[in-house]
Amino acid sequence: MVRVLLVEDDDAIRTSLSKSLTAAGHVVTPLASGAEGVAAVAREKPDVVLLDLGLPDLDGRDVLAMVRAVSDIPVIVATARDDDASVVRLLDAGADDYVIKPFSSAQIDARIRAVLRRRGPDQQGESVLSLGALEIDPRSREVTVDGDPVDLTRKEFDLLLALSRRAGAVVTKRELLAEVWGLPWGGGDRTVDVHLSWLRRKLGETAAEPRFLHSVRGVGVKLAPPEPGA
């Protein structure tokens, strides 16, 4: 049973979607404003948020930022814009997935199940991953280097975790876009490059002098422990 927080100001859509998701076995809390949604995230701790971007009181992107400031809960955003740049910006801002209007209740249900598969059970069952001085705890989402904590954003952590699950292997940017950003068609290499740059800086390395993150030109990137003596 999944607890869904539905933030949608259109009465007809909110009522229809609440009924269909309830019929699918979910527990739905329907709300009409962004302020109510942010408060409910902290108060009710739902399993997933379905967030419409066109809200009457707050811009949906601001609501997403507020939710991200207090919670790591999966968020699916509903938007009328389907161009790649807009979608990438939403995913970079902290959305876990998105749907383009108009959408069906079956599509929403499938998206909910997908984000929970990606973010729930897998991480809960994983133990701490160690690569030399680098330690990654999927359950607490904490990272340390040489015993010192590393403060990562959600996407930086998800990127590092995706690479750690295939440590020693070269992972392509398309694979990372699909797994971390939910963009299976590619086209967002710059997004991966930017986040890799931020991640390297926080891990205390550079592309020219890598310690853990090794780029393979024209292929992708590999996470590996430093060579002995490095």
C-alpha atoms as a PDB file:
ATOM      1  CA  MET A   1       0.000   0.000   0.000  1.00  0.00           C
ATOM      2  CA  VAL A   2       1.577   3.247  -1.211  1.00  0.00           C
ATOM      3  CA  ARG A   3       0.803   6.603   0.398  1.00  0.00           C
ATOM      4  CA  VAL A   4       0.476   9.177  -2.375  1.00  0.00           C
ATOM      5  CA  LEU A   5       0.429  12.915  -1.760  1.00  0.00           C
ATOM      6  CA  LEU A   6      -1.398  14.479  -4.712  1.00  0.00           C
ATOM      7  CA  VAL A   7      -0.911  18.236  -5.158  1.00  0.00           C
ATOM      8  CA  GLU A   8      -3.229  19.409  -7.958  1.00  0.00           C
ATOM      9  CA  ASP A   9      -5.362  22.553  -8.054  1.00  0.00           C
ATOM     10  CA  ASP A  10      -7.788  21.411 -10.787  1.00  0.00           C
ATOM     11  CA  ASP A  11     -10.791  19.981  -8.931  1.00  0.00           C
ATOM     12  CA  ALA A  12     -11.829  17.596 -11.713  1.00  0.00           C
ATOM     13  CA  ILE A  13      -8.323  16.179 -12.229  1.00  0.00           C
ATOM     14  CA  ARG A  14      -7.679  15.913  -8.489  1.00  0.00           C
ATOM     15  CA  THR A  15     -10.958  14.076  -7.857  1.00  0.00           C
ATOM     16  CA  SER A  16     -10.602  11.739 -10.840  1.00  0.00           C
ATOM     17  CA  LEU A  17      -6.979  10.887 -10.109  1.00  0.00           C
ATOM     18  CA  SER A  18      -7.671  10.351  -6.406  1.00  0.00           C
ATOM     19  CA  LYS A  19     -10.433   7.861  -7.245  1.00  0.00           C
ATOM     20  CA  SER A  20      -8.357   5.945  -9.789  1.00  0.00           C
ATOM     21  CA  LEU A  21      -5.264   5.742  -7.580  1.00  0.00           C
ATOM     22  CA  THR A  22      -7.382   4.653  -4.620  1.00  0.00           C
ATOM     23  CA  ALA A  23      -8.951   1.972  -6.802  1.00  0.00           C
ATOM     24  CA  ALA A  24      -5.424   0.816  -7.686  1.00  0.00           C
ATOM     25  CA  GLY A  25      -4.760   0.202  -3.975  1.00  0.00           C
ATOM     26  CA  HIS A  26      -3.003   3.426  -2.984  1.00  0.00           C
ATOM     27  CA  VAL A  27      -3.810   5.703  -0.053  1.00  0.00           C
ATOM     28  CA  VAL A  28      -4.216   9.194  -1.510  1.00  0.00           C
ATOM     29  CA  THR A  29      -4.066  12.573   0.220  1.00  0.00           C
ATOM     30  CA  PRO A  30      -5.377  15.147  -2.298  1.00  0.00           C
ATOM     31  CA  LEU A  31      -4.400  18.794  -1.817  1.00  0.00           C
ATOM     32  CA  ALA A  32      -5.040  21.895  -3.919  1.00  0.00           C
ATOM     33  CA  SER A  33      -2.123  24.199  -3.055  1.00  0.00           C
ATOM     34  CA  GLY A  34       1.642  24.141  -2.905  1.00  0.00           C
ATOM     35  CA  ALA A  35       1.809  25.417   0.665  1.00  0.00           C
ATOM     36  CA  GLU A  36      -0.452  22.592   1.836  1.00  0.00           C
ATOM     37  CA  GLY A  37       1.710  20.122  -0.053  1.00  0.00           C
ATOM     38  CA  VAL A  38       4.969  21.227   1.548  1.00  0.00           C
ATOM     39  CA  ALA A  39       3.412  21.092   5.024  1.00  0.00           C
ATOM     40  CA  ALA A  40       1.953  17.639   4.353  1.00  0.00           C
ATOM     41  CA  VAL A  41       5.307  16.211   3.278  1.00  0.00           C
ATOM     42  CA  ALA A  42       6.762  16.947   6.706  1.00  0.00           C
ATOM     43  CA  ARG A  43       3.586  16.046   8.578  1.00  0.00           C
ATOM     44  CA  GLU A  44       2.411  12.863   6.850  1.00  0.00           C
ATOM     45  CA  LYS A  45       5.655  11.479   5.372  1.00  0.00           C
ATOM     46  CA  PRO A  46       4.062   9.958   2.243  1.00  0.00           C
ATOM     47  CA  ASP A  47       5.830   7.438   0.016  1.00  0.00           C
ATOM     48  CA  VAL A  48       5.621   9.558  -3.129  1.00  0.00           C
ATOM     49  CA  VAL A  49       4.471  13.037  -4.194  1.00  0.00           C
ATOM     50  CA  LEU A  50       2.612  13.738  -7.423  1.00  0.00           C
ATOM     51  CA  LEU A  51       3.118  17.463  -8.036  1.00  0.00           C
ATOM     52  CA  ASP A  52       1.399  19.653 -10.611  1.00  0.00           C
ATOM     53  CA  LEU A  53       3.595  22.587 -11.620  1.00  0.00           C
ATOM     54  CA  GLY A  54       0.700  24.980 -12.314  1.00  0.00           C
ATOM     55  CA  LEU A  55      -0.459  25.788  -8.793  1.00  0.00           C
ATOM     56  CA  PRO A  56      -2.401  28.897  -7.692  1.00  0.00           C
ATOM     57  CA  ASP A  57      -0.276  29.967  -4.731  1.00  0.00           C
ATOM     58  CA  LEU A  58       3.277  28.874  -5.509  1.00  0.00           C
ATOM     59  CA  ASP A  59       5.212  27.973  -8.612  1.00  0.00           C
ATOM     60  CA  GLY A  60       5.524  24.201  -8.768  1.00  0.00           C
ATOM     61  CA  ARG A  61       9.303  24.455  -9.147  1.00  0.00           C
ATOM     62  CA  ASP A  62       9.479  26.412  -5.899  1.00  0.00           C
ATOM     63  CA  VAL A  63       7.357  23.730  -4.218  1.00  0.00           C
ATOM     64  CA  LEU A  64       9.779  21.098  -5.518  1.00  0.00           C
ATOM     65  CA  ALA A  65      12.710  23.031  -4.054  1.00  0.00           C
ATOM     66  CA  MET A  66      10.933  23.348  -0.683  1.00  0.00           C
ATOM     67  CA  VAL A  67      10.171  19.621  -0.610  1.00  0.00           C
ATOM     68  CA  ARG A  68      13.787  18.832  -1.469  1.00  0.00           C
ATOM     69  CA  ALA A  69      14.952  21.062   1.394  1.00  0.00           C
ATOM     70  CA  VAL A  70      13.147  18.896   3.945  1.00  0.00           C
ATOM     71  CA  SER A  71      12.762  15.446   2.389  1.00  0.00           C
ATOM     72  CA  ASP A  72      14.303  12.903   0.028  1.00  0.00           C
ATOM     73  CA  ILE A  73      10.858  11.529  -0.901  1.00  0.00           C
ATOM     74  CA  PRO A  74      10.347  10.596  -4.591  1.00  0.00           C
ATOM     75  CA  VAL A  75       8.557  13.371  -6.512  1.00  0.00           C
ATOM     76  CA  ILE A  76       6.804  12.972  -9.868  1.00  0.00           C
ATOM     77  CA  VAL A  77       5.994  16.266 -11.558  1.00  0.00           C
ATOM     78  CA  ALA A  78       3.198  16.893 -14.048  1.00  0.00           C
ATOM     79  CA  THR A  79       4.069  19.427 -16.726  1.00  0.00           C
ATOM     80  CA  ALA A  80       2.719  20.660 -20.041  1.00  0.00           C
ATOM     81  CA  ARG A  81       6.229  21.178 -21.467  1.00  0.00           C
ATOM     82  CA  ASP A  82       7.905  18.226 -23.169  1.00  0.00           C
ATOM     83  CA  ASP A  83      11.098  19.758 -24.609  1.00  0.00           C
ATOM     84  CA  ASP A  84      14.326  18.121 -23.471  1.00  0.00           C
ATOM     85  CA  ALA A  85      15.760  21.238 -21.835  1.00  0.00           C
ATOM     86  CA  SER A  86      12.696  21.743 -19.608  1.00  0.00           C
ATOM     87  CA  VAL A  87      12.618  18.087 -18.588  1.00  0.00           C
ATOM     88  CA  VAL A  88      16.339  18.041 -17.762  1.00  0.00           C
ATOM     89  CA  ARG A  89      15.952  21.187 -15.625  1.00  0.00           C
ATOM     90  CA  LEU A  90      13.124  19.560 -13.654  1.00  0.00           C
ATOM     91  CA  LEU A  91      15.116  16.386 -13.068  1.00  0.00           C
ATOM     92  CA  ASP A  92      18.197  18.380 -12.090  1.00  0.00           C
ATOM     93  CA  ALA A  93      16.045  20.373  -9.656  1.00  0.00           C
ATOM     94  CA  GLY A  94      15.184  17.187  -7.781  1.00  0.00           C
ATOM     95  CA  ALA A  95      12.248  15.550  -9.564  1.00  0.00           C
ATOM     96  CA  ASP A  96      12.515  11.760  -9.769  1.00  0.00           C
ATOM     97  CA  ASP A  97      10.225  11.439 -12.791  1.00  0.00           C
ATOM     98  CA  TYR A  98       7.715  13.413 -14.816  1.00  0.00           C
ATOM     99  CA  VAL A  99       4.513  13.048 -16.847  1.00  0.00           C
ATOM    100  CA  ILE A 100       3.397  15.222 -19.740  1.00  0.00           C
ATOM    101  CA  LYS A 101      -0.163  16.549 -19.756  1.00  0.00           C
ATOM    102  CA  PRO A 102      -2.611  15.165 -20.644  1.00  0.00           C
ATOM    103  CA  PHE A 103      -1.885  11.842 -18.954  1.00  0.00           C
ATOM    104  CA  SER A 104      -3.881   8.767 -17.940  1.00  0.00           C
ATOM    105  CA  SER A 105      -4.294   7.363 -14.442  1.00  0.00           C
ATOM    106  CA  ALA A 106      -2.679   4.116 -15.643  1.00  0.00           C
ATOM    107  CA  GLN A 107       0.397   6.070 -16.681  1.00  0.00           C
ATOM    108  CA  ILE A 108       0.585   7.763 -13.281  1.00  0.00           C
ATOM    109  CA  ASP A 109       0.256   4.424 -11.493  1.00  0.00           C
ATOM    110  CA  ALA A 110       3.066   2.970 -13.605  1.00  0.00           C
ATOM    111  CA  ARG A 111       5.312   5.955 -12.864  1.00  0.00           C
ATOM    112  CA  ILE A 112       4.669   5.613  -9.128  1.00  0.00           C
ATOM    113  CA  ARG A 113       5.645   1.955  -9.188  1.00  0.00           C
ATOM    114  CA  ALA A 114       8.733   2.748 -11.249  1.00  0.00           C
ATOM    115  CA  VAL A 115      10.139   5.442  -8.943  1.00  0.00           C
ATOM    116  CA  LEU A 116       9.530   3.286  -5.886  1.00  0.00           C
ATOM    117  CA  ARG A 117      11.319   0.356  -7.515  1.00  0.00           C
ATOM    118  CA  ARG A 118      14.284   2.579  -8.295  1.00  0.00           C
ATOM    119  CA  ARG A 119      14.516   4.285  -4.926  1.00  0.00           C
ATOM    120  CA  GLY A 120      13.065   1.968  -2.298  1.00  0.00           C
ATOM    121  CA  PRO A 121      13.884  -1.689  -1.719  1.00  0.00           C
ATOM    122  CA  ASP A 122      17.227  -1.751  -3.554  1.00  0.00           C
ATOM    123  CA  GLN A 123      18.864   0.832  -1.335  1.00  0.00           C
ATOM    124  CA  GLN A 124      17.280  -0.457   1.862  1.00  0.00           C
ATOM    125  CA  GLY A 125      18.887  -3.886   1.346  1.00  0.00           C
ATOM    126  CA  GLU A 126      22.379  -2.687   0.423  1.00  0.00           C
ATOM    127  CA  SER A 127      25.285  -2.607   2.812  1.00  0.00           C
ATOM    128  CA  VAL A 128      28.026   0.011   2.914  1.00  0.00           C
ATOM    129  CA  LEU A 129      30.096   0.086  -0.286  1.00  0.00           C
ATOM    130  CA  SER A 130      33.842   0.645   0.147  1.00  0.00           C
ATOM    131  CA  LEU A 131      36.385   1.619  -2.502  1.00  0.00           C
ATOM    132  CA  GLY A 132      39.594   2.306  -0.664  1.00  0.00           C
ATOM    133  CA  ALA A 133      39.116   5.500   1.332  1.00  0.00           C
ATOM    134  CA  LEU A 134      35.670   6.084  -0.202  1.00  0.00           C
ATOM    135  CA  GLU A 135      32.643   4.689   1.648  1.00  0.00           C
ATOM    136  CA  ILE A 136      29.031   4.929   0.449  1.00  0.00           C
ATOM    137  CA  ASP A 137      26.051   3.988   2.627  1.00  0.00           C
ATOM    138  CA  PRO A 138      22.948   3.530   0.408  1.00  0.00           C
ATOM    139  CA  ARG A 139      20.612   3.276   3.405  1.00  0.00           C
ATOM    140  CA  SER A 140      21.578   6.522   5.124  1.00  0.00           C
ATOM    141  CA  ARG A 141      22.740   8.150   1.868  1.00  0.00           C
ATOM    142  CA  GLU A 142      25.982   9.173   3.549  1.00  0.00           C
ATOM    143  CA  VAL A 143      29.430   9.326   1.954  1.00  0.00           C
ATOM    144  CA  THR A 144      32.864   9.619   3.559  1.00  0.00           C
ATOM    145  CA  VAL A 145      36.372  10.013   2.140  1.00  0.00           C
ATOM    146  CA  ASP A 146      39.274   9.216   4.460  1.00  0.00           C
ATOM    147  CA  GLY A 147      36.696   9.125   7.254  1.00  0.00           C
ATOM    148  CA  ASP A 148      35.485  12.676   6.596  1.00  0.00           C
ATOM    149  CA  PRO A 149      31.812  13.223   5.592  1.00  0.00           C
ATOM    150  CA  VAL A 150      31.107  14.468   2.068  1.00  0.00           C
ATOM    151  CA  ASP A 151      28.030  16.652   1.599  1.00  0.00           C
ATOM    152  CA  LEU A 152      26.372  15.616  -1.680  1.00  0.00           C
ATOM    153  CA  THR A 153      23.154  16.706  -3.333  1.00  0.00           C
ATOM    154  CA  ARG A 154      20.552  14.062  -4.174  1.00  0.00           C
ATOM    155  CA  LYS A 155      21.626  13.795  -7.807  1.00  0.00           C
ATOM    156  CA  GLU A 156      25.330  13.741  -6.911  1.00  0.00           C
ATOM    157  CA  PHE A 157      24.687  10.885  -4.492  1.00  0.00           C
ATOM    158  CA  ASP A 158      22.510   8.997  -6.990  1.00  0.00           C
ATOM    159  CA  LEU A 159      25.225   9.389  -9.635  1.00  0.00           C
ATOM    160  CA  LEU A 160      27.917   8.122  -7.283  1.00  0.00           C
ATOM    161  CA  LEU A 161      25.740   5.216  -6.166  1.00  0.00           C
ATOM    162  CA  ALA A 162      24.986   4.213  -9.770  1.00  0.00           C
ATOM    163  CA  LEU A 163      28.708   4.140 -10.528  1.00  0.00           C
ATOM    164  CA  SER A 164      29.543   2.281  -7.303  1.00  0.00           C
ATOM    165  CA  ARG A 165      27.118  -0.510  -8.184  1.00  0.00           C
ATOM    166  CA  ARG A 166      29.313  -1.170 -11.240  1.00  0.00           C
ATOM    167  CA  ALA A 167      32.654  -0.269  -9.699  1.00  0.00           C
ATOM    168  CA  GLY A 168      35.555  -1.095 -11.977  1.00  0.00           C
ATOM    169  CA  ALA A 169      33.397  -1.048 -15.110  1.00  0.00           C
ATOM    170  CA  VAL A 170      33.039   1.806 -17.586  1.00  0.00           C
ATOM    171  CA  VAL A 171      29.482   3.182 -17.505  1.00  0.00           C
ATOM    172  CA  THR A 172      28.271   5.183 -20.484  1.00  0.00           C
ATOM    173  CA  LYS A 173      26.657   8.588 -20.152  1.00  0.00           C
ATOM    174  CA  ARG A 174      23.489   7.225 -21.748  1.00  0.00           C
ATOM    175  CA  GLU A 175      23.293   4.538 -19.062  1.00  0.00           C
ATOM    176  CA  LEU A 176      23.753   7.177 -16.365  1.00  0.00           C
ATOM    177  CA  LEU A 177      21.089   9.413 -17.912  1.00  0.00           C
ATOM    178  CA  ALA A 178      18.635   6.519 -17.905  1.00  0.00           C
ATOM    179  CA  GLU A 179      19.388   5.345 -14.372  1.00  0.00           C
ATOM    180  CA  VAL A 180      19.938   8.632 -12.530  1.00  0.00           C
ATOM    181  CA  TRP A 181      17.847  11.111 -14.517  1.00  0.00           C
ATOM    182  CA  GLY A 182      15.242   8.820 -16.101  1.00  0.00           C
ATOM    183  CA  LEU A 183      16.196   9.943 -19.625  1.00  0.00           C
ATOM    184  CA  PRO A 184      16.658   6.707 -21.622  1.00  0.00           C
ATOM    185  CA  TRP A 185      16.897   8.491 -24.983  1.00  0.00           C
ATOM    186  CA  GLY A 186      20.125  10.348 -24.146  1.00  0.00           C
ATOM    187  CA  GLY A 187      20.751  13.916 -25.233  1.00  0.00           C
ATOM    188  CA  GLY A 188      21.815  15.210 -21.809  1.00  0.00           C
ATOM    189  CA  ASP A 189      25.568  14.572 -21.814  1.00  0.00           C
ATOM    190  CA  ARG A 190      26.208  18.071 -20.516  1.00  0.00           C
ATOM    191  CA  THR A 191      24.076  17.318 -17.465  1.00  0.00           C
ATOM    192  CA  VAL A 192      26.210  14.258 -16.663  1.00  0.00           C
ATOM    193  CA  ASP A 193      29.444  16.206 -17.254  1.00  0.00           C
ATOM    194  CA  VAL A 194      28.389  19.022 -14.924  1.00  0.00           C
ATOM    195  CA  HIS A 195      27.389  16.676 -12.113  1.00  0.00           C
ATOM    196  CA  LEU A 196      30.595  14.659 -12.534  1.00  0.00           C
ATOM    197  CA  SER A 197      32.559  17.905 -12.209  1.00  0.00           C
ATOM    198  CA  TRP A 198      30.733  18.816  -8.996  1.00  0.00           C
ATOM    199  CA  LEU A 199      31.179  15.289  -7.656  1.00  0.00           C
ATOM    200  CA  ARG A 200      34.898  15.274  -8.407  1.00  0.00           C
ATOM    201  CA  ARG A 201      35.358  18.581  -6.593  1.00  0.00           C
ATOM    202  CA  LYS A 202      33.647  17.232  -3.475  1.00  0.00           C
ATOM    203  CA  LEU A 203      35.680  13.997  -3.596  1.00  0.00           C
ATOM    204  CA  GLY A 204      38.874  16.068  -3.693  1.00  0.00           C
ATOM    205  CA  GLU A 205      39.973  15.353  -7.249  1.00  0.00           C
ATOM    206  CA  THR A 206      39.925  16.757 -10.781  1.00  0.00           C
ATOM    207  CA  ALA A 207      39.450  15.267 -14.244  1.00  0.00           C
ATOM    208  CA  ALA A 208      43.163  15.838 -14.897  1.00  0.00           C
ATOM    209  CA  GLU A 209      44.146  14.183 -11.605  1.00  0.00           C
ATOM    210  CA  PRO A 210      41.448  11.591 -10.825  1.00  0.00           C
ATOM    211  CA  ARG A 211      41.397   9.636  -7.609  1.00  0.00           C
ATOM    212  CA  PHE A 212      38.142   7.674  -7.868  1.00  0.00           C
ATOM    213  CA  LEU A 213      36.356   8.876 -11.040  1.00  0.00           C
ATOM    214  CA  HIS A 214      38.168   7.951 -14.238  1.00  0.00           C
ATOM    215  CA  SER A 215      36.871   9.215 -17.599  1.00  0.00           C
ATOM    216  CA  VAL A 216      37.269   7.058 -20.686  1.00  0.00           C
ATOM    217  CA  ARG A 217      37.125   9.368 -23.700  1.00  0.00           C
ATOM    218  CA  GLY A 218      34.241   8.637 -26.030  1.00  0.00           C
ATOM    219  CA  VAL A 219      32.872   5.869 -23.757  1.00  0.00           C
ATOM    220  CA  GLY A 220      31.957   6.989 -20.252  1.00  0.00           C
ATOM    221  CA  VAL A 221      33.296   7.001 -16.696  1.00  0.00           C
ATOM    222  CA  LYS A 222      34.548   4.384 -14.252  1.00  0.00           C
ATOM    223  CA  LEU A 223      34.561   4.447 -10.442  1.00  0.00           C
ATOM    224  CA  ALA A 224      37.585   2.650  -9.003  1.00  0.00           C
ATOM    225  CA  PRO A 225      39.742   2.882  -5.874  1.00  0.00           C
ATOM    226  CA  PRO A 226      43.091   4.649  -6.171  1.00  0.00           C
ATOM    227  CA  GLU A 227      46.122   2.642  -7.185  1.00  0.00           C
ATOM    228  CA  PRO A 228      48.343   1.636  -4.223  1.00  0.00           C
ATOM    229  CA  GLY A 229      50.560   4.531  -3.290  1.00  0.00           C
ATOM    230  CA  ALA A 230      48.431   7.046  -5.183  1.00  0.00           C
END
